C-alpha atoms as a PDB file:
ATOM      1  CA  VAL A   1      -9.694  -7.746 -14.197  1.00  0.00           C
ATOM      2  CA  LEU A   2     -12.199  -5.656 -12.269  1.00  0.00           C
ATOM      3  CA  HIS A   3     -13.476  -4.186 -15.509  1.00  0.00           C
ATOM      4  CA  HIS A   4     -14.006  -7.571 -17.095  1.00  0.00           C
ATOM      5  CA  CYS A   5     -15.457  -9.176 -13.935  1.00  0.00           C
ATOM      6  CA  HIS A   6     -17.678  -6.382 -12.665  1.00  0.00           C
ATOM      7  CA  ARG A   7     -20.705  -8.599 -11.740  1.00  0.00           C
ATOM      8  CA  ARG A   8     -21.005 -10.454  -8.471  1.00  0.00           C
ATOM      9  CA  GLY A   9     -20.079 -14.060  -8.916  1.00  0.00           C
ATOM     10  CA  SER A  10     -17.822 -13.500 -11.944  1.00  0.00           C
ATOM     11  CA  GLU A  11     -14.992 -15.950 -12.367  1.00  0.00           C
ATOM     12  CA  VAL A  12     -11.366 -15.546 -13.553  1.00  0.00           C
ATOM     13  CA  LEU A  13      -9.799 -18.538 -15.375  1.00  0.00           C
ATOM     14  CA  LEU A  14      -6.082 -19.029 -14.582  1.00  0.00           C
ATOM     15  CA  GLY A  15      -3.559 -21.674 -15.214  1.00  0.00           C
ATOM     16  CA  HIS A  16      -2.246 -23.450 -12.118  1.00  0.00           C
ATOM     17  CA  LEU A  17       1.251 -22.056 -12.694  1.00  0.00           C
ATOM     18  CA  SER A  18       0.058 -18.503 -13.409  1.00  0.00           C
ATOM     19  CA  HIS A  19       1.950 -15.777 -11.563  1.00  0.00           C
ATOM     20  CA  ILE A  20      -1.409 -14.316 -10.564  1.00  0.00           C
ATOM     21  CA  HIS A  21      -2.465 -17.645  -9.017  1.00  0.00           C
ATOM     22  CA  ILE A  22       0.826 -18.408  -7.220  1.00  0.00           C
ATOM     23  CA  TYR A  23       1.987 -14.955  -6.113  1.00  0.00           C
ATOM     24  CA  GLU A  24      -1.050 -12.751  -6.286  1.00  0.00           C
ATOM     25  CA  GLN A  25      -3.587 -15.229  -4.881  1.00  0.00           C
ATOM     26  CA  GLY A  26      -5.211 -15.654  -8.060  1.00  0.00           C
ATOM     27  CA  GLY A  27       3.346 -17.481 -17.127  1.00  0.00           C
ATOM     28  CA  ILE A  28       2.380 -16.424 -20.217  1.00  0.00           C
ATOM     29  CA  SER A  29       0.399 -18.820 -22.336  1.00  0.00           C
ATOM     30  CA  GLN A  30       2.461 -20.549 -25.011  1.00  0.00           C
ATOM     31  CA  PHE A  31      -0.568 -20.476 -27.363  1.00  0.00           C
ATOM     32  CA  LEU A  32      -1.665 -16.819 -27.006  1.00  0.00           C
ATOM     33  CA  LEU A  33      -3.269 -16.469 -30.459  1.00  0.00           C
ATOM     34  CA  GLN A  34      -5.036 -19.756 -30.183  1.00  0.00           C
ATOM     35  CA  LEU A  35      -6.198 -18.886 -26.696  1.00  0.00           C
ATOM     36  CA  GLY A  36      -7.335 -15.428 -27.859  1.00  0.00           C
ATOM     37  CA  THR A  37      -9.295 -16.848 -30.829  1.00  0.00           C
ATOM     38  CA  THR A  38     -11.003 -19.501 -28.724  1.00  0.00           C
ATOM     39  CA  CYS A  39     -11.979 -16.936 -25.986  1.00  0.00           C
ATOM     40  CA  GLN A  40     -13.272 -14.587 -28.562  1.00  0.00           C
ATOM     41  CA  GLU A  41     -15.541 -17.268 -29.954  1.00  0.00           C
ATOM     42  CA  LEU A  42     -16.814 -17.895 -26.406  1.00  0.00           C
ATOM     43  CA  GLY A  43     -17.179 -14.236 -25.615  1.00  0.00           C
ATOM     44  CA  LEU A  44     -14.450 -14.316 -23.001  1.00  0.00           C
ATOM     45  CA  PRO A  45     -12.068 -11.365 -22.536  1.00  0.00           C
ATOM     46  CA  VAL A  46      -8.377 -12.161 -22.271  1.00  0.00           C
ATOM     47  CA  HIS A  47      -6.186  -9.844 -20.124  1.00  0.00           C
ATOM     48  CA  MET A  48      -2.388  -9.828 -20.594  1.00  0.00           C
ATOM     49  CA  ASP A  49      -0.437  -9.124 -17.367  1.00  0.00           C
ATOM     50  CA  GLY A  50       2.424  -7.595 -19.404  1.00  0.00           C
ATOM     51  CA  ALA A  51       4.716  -6.585 -16.590  1.00  0.00           C
ATOM     52  CA  ARG A  52       7.679  -7.867 -18.666  1.00  0.00           C
ATOM     53  CA  LEU A  53       6.040  -7.736 -22.113  1.00  0.00           C
ATOM     54  CA  PHE A  54       8.908  -5.739 -23.653  1.00  0.00           C
ATOM     55  CA  ASN A  55      11.480  -8.258 -22.349  1.00  0.00           C
ATOM     56  CA  ALA A  56       9.482 -11.108 -23.933  1.00  0.00           C
ATOM     57  CA  ALA A  57       9.147  -9.194 -27.193  1.00  0.00           C
ATOM     58  CA  ALA A  58      12.902  -8.543 -27.273  1.00  0.00           C
ATOM     59  CA  ALA A  59      13.703 -12.210 -26.613  1.00  0.00           C
ATOM     60  CA  LEU A  60      11.384 -13.364 -29.373  1.00  0.00           C
ATOM     61  CA  ASP A  61      12.446 -10.569 -31.751  1.00  0.00           C
ATOM     62  CA  LEU A  62       8.792  -9.766 -32.217  1.00  0.00           C
ATOM     63  CA  PRO A  63       6.902  -6.410 -31.803  1.00  0.00           C
ATOM     64  CA  PRO A  64       4.957  -6.246 -28.507  1.00  0.00           C
ATOM     65  CA  ALA A  65       1.735  -5.825 -30.475  1.00  0.00           C
ATOM     66  CA  ARG A  66       2.272  -9.289 -31.965  1.00  0.00           C
ATOM     67  CA  LEU A  67       2.301 -10.856 -28.569  1.00  0.00           C
ATOM     68  CA  ILE A  68      -0.915  -9.297 -27.373  1.00  0.00           C
ATOM     69  CA  ARG A  69      -2.834  -9.721 -30.684  1.00  0.00           C
ATOM     70  CA  GLY A  70      -5.240 -12.192 -29.134  1.00  0.00           C
ATOM     71  CA  CYS A  71      -5.767 -10.114 -26.005  1.00  0.00           C
ATOM     72  CA  SER A  72      -8.617  -7.796 -25.065  1.00  0.00           C
ATOM     73  CA  THR A  73      -6.560  -5.706 -22.647  1.00  0.00           C
ATOM     74  CA  VAL A  74      -2.972  -5.429 -21.470  1.00  0.00           C
ATOM     75  CA  ASN A  75      -1.044  -3.671 -18.749  1.00  0.00           C
ATOM     76  CA  VAL A  76       2.642  -2.821 -19.030  1.00  0.00           C
ATOM     77  CA  CYS A  77       5.004  -1.877 -16.170  1.00  0.00           C
ATOM     78  CA  LEU A  78       7.387   1.004 -16.815  1.00  0.00           C
ATOM     79  CA  SER A  79       9.571   0.357 -13.816  1.00  0.00           C
ATOM     80  CA  LYS A  80      10.392  -3.384 -14.026  1.00  0.00           C
ATOM     81  CA  CYS A  81      13.554  -3.508 -16.157  1.00  0.00           C
ATOM     82  CA  LEU A  82      12.671  -0.258 -17.976  1.00  0.00           C
ATOM     83  CA  GLY A  83      14.225   1.939 -15.282  1.00  0.00           C
ATOM     84  CA  ALA A  84      11.277   4.349 -14.724  1.00  0.00           C
ATOM     85  CA  PRO A  85      10.882   5.290 -11.117  1.00  0.00           C
ATOM     86  CA  ALA A  86       7.180   4.251 -11.103  1.00  0.00           C
ATOM     87  CA  GLY A  87       4.224   3.888 -13.273  1.00  0.00           C
ATOM     88  CA  SER A  88       2.414   1.471 -15.622  1.00  0.00           C
ATOM     89  CA  VAL A  89       0.171   1.675 -18.665  1.00  0.00           C
ATOM     90  CA  ILE A  90      -3.101  -0.132 -19.215  1.00  0.00           C
ATOM     91  CA  ALA A  91      -4.487  -0.377 -22.719  1.00  0.00           C
ATOM     92  CA  GLY A  92      -7.567  -1.599 -24.442  1.00  0.00           C
ATOM     93  CA  THR A  93     -10.596  -0.224 -26.289  1.00  0.00           C
ATOM     94  CA  ALA A  94     -11.824   3.363 -25.700  1.00  0.00           C
ATOM     95  CA  GLU A  95     -14.762   1.950 -23.717  1.00  0.00           C
ATOM     96  CA  PHE A  96     -12.398  -0.116 -21.562  1.00  0.00           C
ATOM     97  CA  VAL A  97     -10.083   2.840 -20.812  1.00  0.00           C
ATOM     98  CA  ARG A  98     -13.112   4.954 -19.768  1.00  0.00           C
ATOM     99  CA  SER A  99     -14.176   2.182 -17.463  1.00  0.00           C
ATOM    100  CA  ALA A 100     -10.649   1.721 -16.074  1.00  0.00           C
ATOM    101  CA  ARG A 101     -10.289   5.431 -15.327  1.00  0.00           C
ATOM    102  CA  ARG A 102     -13.605   5.445 -13.471  1.00  0.00           C
ATOM    103  CA  LEU A 103     -12.649   2.250 -11.495  1.00  0.00           C
ATOM    104  CA  ARG A 104      -9.273   3.873 -10.697  1.00  0.00           C
ATOM    105  CA  LYS A 105     -10.964   6.818  -9.168  1.00  0.00           C
ATOM    106  CA  VAL A 106     -13.409   4.590  -7.227  1.00  0.00           C
ATOM    107  CA  LEU A 107     -10.470   2.672  -5.811  1.00  0.00           C
ATOM    108  CA  GLY A 108      -8.589   5.835  -4.835  1.00  0.00           C
ATOM    109  CA  GLY A 109      -5.839   5.313  -7.418  1.00  0.00           C
ATOM    110  CA  GLY A 110      -5.942   8.644  -9.023  1.00  0.00           C
ATOM    111  CA  MET A 111      -2.868  10.974  -8.888  1.00  0.00           C
ATOM    112  CA  ARG A 112      -2.227  14.627  -9.626  1.00  0.00           C
ATOM    113  CA  GLN A 113       0.703  16.381 -11.321  1.00  0.00           C
ATOM    114  CA  VAL A 114       2.162  13.147 -12.649  1.00  0.00           C
ATOM    115  CA  GLY A 115       3.917  14.795 -15.638  1.00  0.00           C
ATOM    116  CA  MET A 116       7.345  14.030 -14.221  1.00  0.00           C
ATOM    117  CA  LEU A 117       6.532  10.345 -13.850  1.00  0.00           C
ATOM    118  CA  ALA A 118       5.025  10.205 -17.251  1.00  0.00           C
ATOM    119  CA  ALA A 119       8.136  11.875 -18.703  1.00  0.00           C
ATOM    120  CA  ALA A 120      10.350   9.156 -17.160  1.00  0.00           C
ATOM    121  CA  GLY A 121       8.087   6.525 -18.610  1.00  0.00           C
ATOM    122  CA  LEU A 122       8.232   8.018 -22.108  1.00  0.00           C
ATOM    123  CA  TYR A 123      12.017   8.187 -21.867  1.00  0.00           C
ATOM    124  CA  ALA A 124      12.109   4.493 -20.871  1.00  0.00           C
ATOM    125  CA  LEU A 125       9.937   3.557 -23.860  1.00  0.00           C
ATOM    126  CA  ASP A 126      12.120   5.475 -26.262  1.00  0.00           C
ATOM    127  CA  HIS A 127      15.625   4.773 -24.915  1.00  0.00           C
ATOM    128  CA  VAL A 128      15.565   1.707 -22.652  1.00  0.00           C
ATOM    129  CA  VAL A 129      13.304  -0.684 -24.599  1.00  0.00           C
ATOM    130  CA  PRO A 130      15.855  -0.782 -27.559  1.00  0.00           C
ATOM    131  CA  THR A 131      18.609  -1.893 -25.118  1.00  0.00           C
ATOM    132  CA  LEU A 132      16.777  -4.834 -23.500  1.00  0.00           C
ATOM    133  CA  SER A 133      18.622  -7.430 -25.628  1.00  0.00           C
ATOM    134  CA  ARG A 134      21.826  -6.115 -23.933  1.00  0.00           C
ATOM    135  CA  ASP A 135      20.404  -7.182 -20.529  1.00  0.00           C
ATOM    136  CA  HIS A 136      19.495 -10.564 -21.892  1.00  0.00           C
ATOM    137  CA  ALA A 137      23.097 -11.025 -23.172  1.00  0.00           C
ATOM    138  CA  LEU A 138      24.482 -10.185 -19.689  1.00  0.00           C
ATOM    139  CA  VAL A 139      22.234 -12.808 -18.131  1.00  0.00           C
ATOM    140  CA  GLN A 140      23.593 -15.346 -20.640  1.00  0.00           C
ATOM    141  CA  ALA A 141      27.125 -14.369 -19.671  1.00  0.00           C
ATOM    142  CA  LEU A 142      26.248 -14.921 -16.032  1.00  0.00           C
ATOM    143  CA  ALA A 143      24.584 -18.245 -16.696  1.00  0.00           C
ATOM    144  CA  THR A 144      27.567 -19.431 -18.802  1.00  0.00           C
ATOM    145  CA  ALA A 145      29.915 -18.564 -16.030  1.00  0.00           C
ATOM    146  CA  MET A 146      27.888 -20.477 -13.481  1.00  0.00           C
ATOM    147  CA  VAL A 147      27.851 -23.606 -15.649  1.00  0.00           C
ATOM    148  CA  GLU A 148      31.592 -23.422 -16.086  1.00  0.00           C
ATOM    149  CA  THR A 149      32.051 -23.671 -12.330  1.00  0.00           C
ATOM    150  CA  GLY A 150      30.779 -27.259 -12.488  1.00  0.00           C
ATOM    151  CA  SER A 151      29.361 -26.836  -9.024  1.00  0.00           C
ATOM    152  CA  GLN A 152      27.014 -29.413  -7.590  1.00  0.00           C
ATOM    153  CA  VAL A 153      25.809 -26.891  -5.000  1.00  0.00           C
ATOM    154  CA  ILE A 154      24.752 -24.037  -7.172  1.00  0.00           C
ATOM    155  CA  CYS A 155      23.629 -24.694 -10.785  1.00  0.00           C
ATOM    156  CA  CYS A 156      21.493 -23.164 -13.535  1.00  0.00           C
ATOM    157  CA  ASP A 157      20.150 -23.864 -16.963  1.00  0.00           C
ATOM    158  CA  PRO A 158      21.280 -21.273 -19.516  1.00  0.00           C
ATOM    159  CA  GLN A 159      18.582 -22.440 -21.939  1.00  0.00           C
ATOM    160  CA  GLY A 160      15.950 -21.585 -19.388  1.00  0.00           C
ATOM    161  CA  ALA A 161      17.210 -17.980 -19.116  1.00  0.00           C
ATOM    162  CA  HIS A 162      15.262 -16.357 -22.009  1.00  0.00           C
ATOM    163  CA  THR A 163      15.260 -12.732 -20.805  1.00  0.00           C
ATOM    164  CA  ASN A 164      16.819 -10.698 -18.063  1.00  0.00           C
ATOM    165  CA  ILE A 165      16.093 -13.125 -15.201  1.00  0.00           C
ATOM    166  CA  LEU A 166      18.317 -15.976 -14.097  1.00  0.00           C
ATOM    167  CA  LEU A 167      17.387 -18.699 -11.573  1.00  0.00           C
ATOM    168  CA  LEU A 168      20.097 -20.429  -9.656  1.00  0.00           C
ATOM    169  CA  GLU A 169      19.155 -23.781  -8.189  1.00  0.00           C
ATOM    170  CA  CYS A 170      20.589 -24.544  -4.726  1.00  0.00           C
ATOM    171  CA  ASN A 171      21.402 -27.895  -3.137  1.00  0.00           C
ATOM    172  CA  PRO A 172      19.360 -27.332   0.030  1.00  0.00           C
ATOM    173  CA  LYS A 173      21.491 -29.929   1.885  1.00  0.00           C
ATOM    174  CA  ILE A 174      24.388 -27.487   1.614  1.00  0.00           C
ATOM    175  CA  VAL A 175      22.798 -24.070   1.332  1.00  0.00           C
ATOM    176  CA  THR A 176      19.252 -22.749   1.310  1.00  0.00           C
ATOM    177  CA  PRO A 177      18.236 -19.924  -0.967  1.00  0.00           C
ATOM    178  CA  GLN A 178      17.888 -17.636   2.039  1.00  0.00           C
ATOM    179  CA  ASP A 179      21.378 -18.460   3.259  1.00  0.00           C
ATOM    180  CA  LEU A 180      22.844 -17.922  -0.274  1.00  0.00           C
ATOM    181  CA  CYS A 181      21.093 -14.500  -0.442  1.00  0.00           C
ATOM    182  CA  HIS A 182      22.517 -13.603   3.004  1.00  0.00           C
ATOM    183  CA  ARG A 183      26.075 -14.746   1.994  1.00  0.00           C
ATOM    184  CA  MET A 184      25.876 -12.635  -1.281  1.00  0.00           C
ATOM    185  CA  SER A 185      25.110  -9.597   0.861  1.00  0.00           C
ATOM    186  CA  GLN A 186      28.182 -10.068   2.989  1.00  0.00           C
ATOM    187  CA  VAL A 187      31.923  -9.534   2.235  1.00  0.00           C
ATOM    188  CA  SER A 188      34.516 -11.259   4.345  1.00  0.00           C
ATOM    189  CA  ASP A 189      38.055 -10.075   4.692  1.00  0.00           C
ATOM    190  CA  ASP A 190      39.353 -13.270   3.058  1.00  0.00           C
ATOM    191  CA  GLU A 191      37.050 -12.732   0.130  1.00  0.00           C
ATOM    192  CA  ALA A 192      38.139  -9.167  -0.364  1.00  0.00           C
ATOM    193  CA  GLU A 193      41.752 -10.247  -0.252  1.00  0.00           C
ATOM    194  CA  ALA A 194      41.195 -13.142  -2.745  1.00  0.00           C
ATOM    195  CA  THR A 195      38.990 -11.320  -5.231  1.00  0.00           C
ATOM    196  CA  GLY A 196      40.404  -7.785  -4.814  1.00  0.00           C
ATOM    197  CA  GLN A 197      36.925  -6.381  -4.476  1.00  0.00           C
ATOM    198  CA  ARG A 198      34.211  -5.718  -1.893  1.00  0.00           C
ATOM    199  CA  VAL A 199      30.982  -6.528  -3.803  1.00  0.00           C
ATOM    200  CA  VAL A 200      27.417  -7.001  -2.442  1.00  0.00           C
ATOM    201  CA  ALA A 201      24.829  -8.598  -4.725  1.00  0.00           C
ATOM    202  CA  ARG A 202      21.186  -8.274  -3.796  1.00  0.00           C
ATOM    203  CA  ILE A 203      19.427 -11.452  -4.911  1.00  0.00           C
ATOM    204  CA  LEU A 204      16.023 -12.917  -4.056  1.00  0.00           C
ATOM    205  CA  PRO A 205      15.019 -16.334  -2.772  1.00  0.00           C
ATOM    206  CA  ILE A 206      12.218 -17.193  -5.210  1.00  0.00           C
ATOM    207  CA  THR A 207      11.376 -20.796  -4.283  1.00  0.00           C
ATOM    208  CA  ASP A 208      12.476 -23.362  -1.626  1.00  0.00           C
ATOM    209  CA  SER A 209      15.404 -24.250  -3.834  1.00  0.00           C
ATOM    210  CA  ALA A 210      16.150 -21.346  -6.078  1.00  0.00           C
ATOM    211  CA  VAL A 211      17.236 -17.719  -6.067  1.00  0.00           C
ATOM    212  CA  ARG A 212      16.505 -15.111  -8.701  1.00  0.00           C
ATOM    213  CA  LEU A 213      18.960 -12.669 -10.222  1.00  0.00           C
ATOM    214  CA  VAL A 214      17.620  -9.786 -12.387  1.00  0.00           C
ATOM    215  CA  VAL A 215      19.643  -7.605 -14.738  1.00  0.00           C
ATOM    216  CA  HIS A 216      18.241  -4.142 -15.452  1.00  0.00           C
ATOM    217  CA  CYS A 217      19.291  -1.084 -17.493  1.00  0.00           C
ATOM    218  CA  ASP A 218      21.600   0.253 -14.801  1.00  0.00           C
ATOM    219  CA  VAL A 219      23.674  -2.982 -14.584  1.00  0.00           C
ATOM    220  CA  THR A 220      26.897  -2.805 -16.604  1.00  0.00           C
ATOM    221  CA  GLU A 221      29.091  -5.497 -18.045  1.00  0.00           C
ATOM    222  CA  LYS A 222      31.689  -4.674 -15.411  1.00  0.00           C
ATOM    223  CA  ASP A 223      29.023  -5.172 -12.713  1.00  0.00           C
ATOM    224  CA  ILE A 224      28.261  -8.597 -14.126  1.00  0.00           C
ATOM    225  CA  GLN A 225      31.967  -9.551 -14.102  1.00  0.00           C
ATOM    226  CA  MET A 226      32.186  -8.467 -10.428  1.00  0.00           C
ATOM    227  CA  VAL A 227      29.043 -10.552  -9.555  1.00  0.00           C
ATOM    228  CA  ILE A 228      30.503 -13.487 -11.391  1.00  0.00           C
ATOM    229  CA  ALA A 229      33.784 -13.220  -9.380  1.00  0.00           C
ATOM    230  CA  LYS A 230      31.791 -13.101  -6.161  1.00  0.00           C
ATOM    231  CA  LEU A 231      29.626 -16.012  -7.061  1.00  0.00           C
ATOM    232  CA  LYS A 232      32.618 -18.139  -8.034  1.00  0.00           C
ATOM    233  CA  TYR A 233      34.258 -17.358  -4.624  1.00  0.00           C
ATOM    234  CA  VAL A 234      31.081 -18.170  -2.716  1.00  0.00           C
ATOM    235  CA  ILE A 235      30.474 -21.329  -4.725  1.00  0.00           C
ATOM    236  CA  LYS A 236      34.041 -22.486  -3.992  1.00  0.00           C
ATOM    237  CA  GLU A 237      33.280 -22.004  -0.336  1.00  0.00           C
ATOM    238  CA  LEU A 238      30.146 -24.062  -0.599  1.00  0.00           C
ATOM    239  CA  ASP A 239      31.621 -26.783  -2.771  1.00  0.00           C
ATOM    240  CA  GLY A 240      34.144 -27.302   0.080  1.00  0.00           C
ATOM    241  CA  LYS A 241      31.294 -28.405   2.293  1.00  0.00           C
ATOM    242  CA  MET A 242      30.306 -31.291  -0.064  1.00  0.00           C
END
């Protein structure tokens, strides 16, 4: 963004539901190609915040290049869901990359001896990207199990779970997202006896009424089954308060 808006007074156009607008003080467009064509005609660059680009490509069964065809530049995260310990890639024209490297140095973002991080990123691209559809299938299994509980306290929409992220809606009169996250991080003796396991699930309150669960490459099918068992036990507890 700094490359494209390098003059004082430059403006960035964002949708009102954009992740950059809501969470970074600043969703992917459903009409990317049309948007890109229109912006090219107007001389406006389009930047793709592609933190989860590979997940979107896997869900749509399209090559990533197809999704960014109308974009001028793109950045891709190598740690979110790809399993690399750190790192991201920014791509564009040769002139853009030269500018980005200079701006990175100006902002103090340069690093030395990053070969080990780069190696992990390359491994993720070669070996983790092809398995992303497995993560999506695990999310669907989790969503289906939640629907089958028939709970009025915790519910979800399986059709809204397109990738490796699942949102669970909470009835705030019974439990807040923060309270649910806290409960999922605890294991009572009664729970351990009833379920035969002591499982902690780290989930995130994402809105005033919802929590977010994310599946990544280190999560196994067995892990999902254990989380399902824990969620069902907790939901049964909460349903008893209705």
